[in-house]
Structures are given as C-alpha cells and as structure tokens.
Amino acid sequence: MALTLNAADSCKFLTVGINYQVTSSTNFVIEILDWQENDISGTVNPVFTLTPASPHITYPIPVDLLNISNGIITIILKTQAGNEIPGGKKSVLLHCDIDCCLTKLTNELIDCACDCAKCATSLAKAQKVFLLLKSADYAIVQANDSAEAQRPGFIEDGYKKYIKAKEICDNSCGCDC
C-alpha cells in the first residue's frame, strides 16, 4: 500500500499517486490541507473508487484551484466514512515564490564583473535562501518518513525555514515575479 505526493517544478500541479490493494470496492476521498491542517481544497474534491482489479491511480491537482499557491501542502487519504488510511498522509513544499528570488539573485551574480561588496551581499543572500529551502525540503521528507506523533514537529520546522527564506526574499529581491 502506497501513497505518493509530488509537486511539479513549475508549482502548477501536485500529483497524487494511490496504489492500494482492496478486497472489495471501496470509496476514498482526499483531504487537502495547509501546514496548520486548514482545508485548502478550494474547488478540488477528489473521490476515488478502488476495486480489487484497480491499477495504480495518478491524480493531478492544479494548484491554482487550491486556496494556496506556495508553502506546505498535506494530503490525507481517507475512506468515504472519514477514516484515515494508515500511511495515507503525505506533505510537499511548494516554493516557486522563493525560486523566483533565487533566480534574481543568481542573475545579479552573473552580471557582477567584480569581487565587490554588492556581489558578496547577493551571494550571501542566495546562500541563505538556498540552504533554508533545502533544509525545509528535508524537514518535509522527514515528516513523510516519520511516525505520526513526530510529523507535526517536522512540518513546523519546514514551515519556519520556508517562512524565513521568504522573509529574506521579500526584504531583498522582490519575489512573486
């Protein structure tokens, strides 16, 4: 039994993969939540019926239909009756807003023709943002691989690092380009 959640590099789609074996026809729903477990499903309401012969299901979710475009997104696979499936909770970090900032900082570094203070400042900001994002991504990996009791701590850690990276971007290079 497996549930996967991946984000497109463009942050335009989430891809949910469901590979569960059932003994009889079973209806499933997916909850879509933000890092604080608020419903962000917007107009997306995925409902699946699996049968014993069902193949692996891949379900794309357009991010623009959700009530969030960047940050941590969690999906929970449940039965139609509302029971959470063991191992049926996964999270992902969408950070295209910050990727834009990193691109601008990198372009500034490419345009630098000297080893001046401006270049050093841009490099330091880019390094901080990049390291915070990598660390936030890894916190989400840890959350997905951890026991349920440990998940909230890893999610919060990833969110704090994402927010710190966003603050550095918003104060320095104008993200959301």
Protein backbone atom coordinates (compact mmCIF):
# COMPACT_ATOMS: atom_id res chain seq x y z
CA MET A 1 0.00 0.00 0.00
CA ALA A 2 1.43 3.33 -1.02
CA LEU A 3 0.51 6.97 -1.28
CA THR A 4 2.78 9.46 -3.02
CA LEU A 5 2.65 13.23 -3.42
CA ASN A 6 4.86 15.17 -5.79
CA ALA A 7 4.95 18.77 -6.91
CA ALA A 8 5.80 19.84 -10.45
CA ASP A 9 8.88 22.06 -10.64
CA SER A 10 6.60 24.76 -12.03
CA CYS A 11 4.37 24.51 -8.92
CA LYS A 12 1.35 24.30 -11.22
CA PHE A 13 0.37 20.73 -10.33
CA LEU A 14 0.50 18.30 -7.47
CA THR A 15 0.47 14.66 -8.44
CA VAL A 16 -1.13 12.21 -6.05
CA GLY A 17 -0.33 8.56 -6.57
CA ILE A 18 -2.54 5.92 -4.96
CA ASN A 19 -1.55 2.28 -5.01
CA TYR A 20 -3.71 0.37 -2.53
CA GLN A 21 -4.95 -3.17 -2.78
CA VAL A 22 -8.54 -3.62 -1.61
CA THR A 23 -10.59 -6.78 -1.25
CA SER A 24 -13.86 -5.13 -2.26
CA SER A 25 -14.95 -1.93 -3.99
CA THR A 26 -14.01 0.94 -1.65
CA ASN A 27 -14.56 4.69 -1.93
CA PHE A 28 -11.75 7.05 -0.90
CA VAL A 29 -11.53 10.83 -0.55
CA ILE A 30 -8.52 13.10 -0.31
CA GLU A 31 -8.31 15.98 2.14
CA ILE A 32 -6.00 18.82 1.12
CA LEU A 33 -4.60 20.88 3.98
CA ASP A 34 -2.09 23.65 4.67
CA TRP A 35 0.69 23.29 7.26
CA GLN A 36 -1.73 24.09 10.11
CA GLU A 37 -4.17 21.49 8.78
CA ASN A 38 -6.69 24.03 7.49
CA ASP A 39 -8.72 22.85 4.49
CA ILE A 40 -7.38 24.46 1.30
CA SER A 41 -9.10 22.19 -1.20
CA GLY A 42 -10.87 25.06 -2.93
CA THR A 43 -12.80 23.58 -5.85
CA VAL A 44 -10.90 20.27 -5.77
CA ASN A 45 -12.84 17.36 -4.29
CA PRO A 46 -11.18 14.12 -5.35
CA VAL A 47 -13.19 10.96 -4.72
CA PHE A 48 -11.93 7.56 -5.90
CA THR A 49 -13.42 4.12 -6.07
CA LEU A 50 -10.90 1.33 -5.92
CA THR A 51 -11.72 -2.25 -6.80
CA PRO A 52 -9.57 -5.36 -6.34
CA ALA A 53 -8.55 -5.01 -10.01
CA SER A 54 -7.76 -1.25 -9.85
CA PRO A 55 -4.36 -0.24 -11.18
CA HIS A 56 -2.18 2.45 -9.64
CA ILE A 57 -4.12 5.73 -9.77
CA THR A 58 -2.38 9.02 -10.60
CA TYR A 59 -4.41 12.15 -9.93
CA PRO A 60 -3.13 15.61 -10.93
CA ILE A 61 -4.32 18.55 -8.85
CA PRO A 62 -3.98 22.02 -10.41
CA VAL A 63 -2.52 24.26 -7.69
CA ASP A 64 -4.43 27.29 -8.99
CA LEU A 65 -7.67 25.56 -7.91
CA LEU A 66 -6.47 25.38 -4.30
CA ASN A 67 -6.69 28.14 -1.70
CA ILE A 68 -2.88 28.29 -1.51
CA SER A 69 -0.17 28.62 -4.13
CA ASN A 70 3.05 28.25 -2.12
CA GLY A 71 4.00 26.69 1.19
CA ILE A 72 3.43 23.29 2.73
CA ILE A 73 0.55 21.21 1.42
CA THR A 74 -0.57 17.97 3.05
CA ILE A 75 -2.93 15.39 1.62
CA ILE A 76 -4.71 12.76 3.65
CA LEU A 77 -6.30 9.69 2.08
CA LYS A 78 -9.47 8.65 3.88
CA THR A 79 -12.31 6.25 3.39
CA GLN A 80 -15.62 7.83 2.39
CA ALA A 81 -16.68 7.29 6.03
CA GLY A 82 -13.83 9.60 7.14
CA ASN A 83 -11.35 7.02 8.47
CA GLU A 84 -7.73 7.91 7.74
CA ILE A 85 -5.80 5.18 5.91
CA PRO A 86 -2.60 4.13 7.72
CA GLY A 87 0.33 5.65 5.82
CA GLY A 88 -2.12 7.79 3.89
CA LYS A 89 -0.72 11.22 4.81
CA LYS A 90 1.95 12.99 2.75
CA SER A 91 3.25 16.55 2.54
CA VAL A 92 5.13 18.60 -0.03
CA LEU A 93 6.64 22.09 -0.07
CA LEU A 94 5.81 24.40 -2.97
CA HIS A 95 8.40 27.18 -3.13
CA CYS A 96 8.19 28.70 -6.59
CA ASP A 97 7.80 32.12 -4.97
CA ILE A 98 11.25 31.72 -3.44
CA ASP A 99 12.73 30.06 -6.54
CA CYS A 100 11.98 33.34 -8.34
CA CYS A 101 14.04 35.21 -5.75
CA LEU A 102 16.95 32.79 -6.14
CA THR A 103 16.82 33.31 -9.89
CA LYS A 104 17.02 37.08 -9.49
CA LEU A 105 19.94 36.78 -7.06
CA THR A 106 21.73 34.40 -9.43
CA ASN A 107 21.23 36.81 -12.32
CA GLU A 108 22.72 39.59 -10.19
CA LEU A 109 25.75 37.39 -9.54
CA ILE A 110 26.15 36.60 -13.24
CA ASP A 111 26.06 40.32 -14.03
CA CYS A 112 28.73 41.10 -11.41
CA ALA A 113 32.04 41.78 -13.10
CA CYS A 114 33.97 42.33 -9.90
CA ASP A 115 34.55 40.95 -6.43
CA CYS A 116 32.77 43.87 -4.81
CA ALA A 117 30.56 44.21 -1.73
CA LYS A 118 27.36 44.16 -3.83
CA CYS A 119 28.26 40.75 -5.24
CA ALA A 120 29.18 39.43 -1.80
CA THR A 121 25.82 40.57 -0.42
CA SER A 122 23.89 38.92 -3.26
CA LEU A 123 25.87 35.71 -2.83
CA ALA A 124 25.29 35.66 0.94
CA LYS A 125 21.53 36.16 0.46
CA ALA A 126 21.36 33.47 -2.21
CA GLN A 127 23.26 31.04 0.02
CA LYS A 128 20.96 31.68 2.99
CA VAL A 129 17.81 31.29 0.92
CA PHE A 130 19.07 28.15 -0.82
CA LEU A 131 20.16 26.50 2.44
CA LEU A 132 16.87 27.35 4.14
CA LEU A 133 14.89 25.85 1.23
CA LYS A 134 16.98 22.68 1.13
CA SER A 135 16.58 22.31 4.88
CA ALA A 136 12.81 22.92 4.64
CA ASP A 137 12.54 20.31 1.87
CA TYR A 138 14.41 17.82 4.03
CA ALA A 139 12.13 18.52 7.01
CA ILE A 140 9.19 17.54 4.79
CA VAL A 141 10.99 14.33 3.76
CA GLN A 142 11.48 13.57 7.45
CA ALA A 143 7.80 14.29 8.15
CA ASN A 144 6.73 11.90 5.39
CA ASP A 145 9.03 9.18 6.72
CA SER A 146 8.32 9.64 10.44
CA ALA A 147 5.83 8.24 12.90
CA GLU A 148 2.55 10.17 13.13
CA ALA A 149 3.47 11.65 16.53
CA GLN A 150 6.64 13.23 15.08
CA ARG A 151 5.07 14.63 11.89
CA PRO A 152 3.86 17.96 13.32
CA GLY A 153 7.33 18.88 14.58
CA PHE A 154 8.95 18.24 11.21
CA ILE A 155 6.16 20.10 9.39
CA GLU A 156 6.53 23.12 11.68
CA ASP A 157 10.32 23.05 11.25
CA GLY A 158 9.94 23.01 7.46
CA TYR A 159 7.39 25.83 7.59
CA LYS A 160 9.62 28.05 9.76
CA LYS A 161 12.53 27.61 7.36
CA TYR A 162 10.30 28.30 4.35
CA ILE A 163 8.97 31.48 6.00
CA LYS A 164 12.48 32.67 6.91
CA ALA A 165 13.61 32.17 3.30
CA LYS A 166 10.52 34.04 2.12
CA GLU A 167 11.25 36.93 4.51
CA ILE A 168 14.79 37.23 3.16
CA CYS A 169 13.40 37.30 -0.39
CA ASP A 170 10.60 39.73 0.32
CA ASN A 171 13.02 42.13 2.00
CA SER A 172 15.68 41.98 -0.67
CA CYS A 173 14.77 40.98 -4.19
CA GLY A 174 11.04 41.12 -4.77
CA CYS A 175 9.71 37.60 -5.13
CA ASP A 176 6.47 36.69 -6.91
CA CYS A 177 7.87 37.94 -10.21
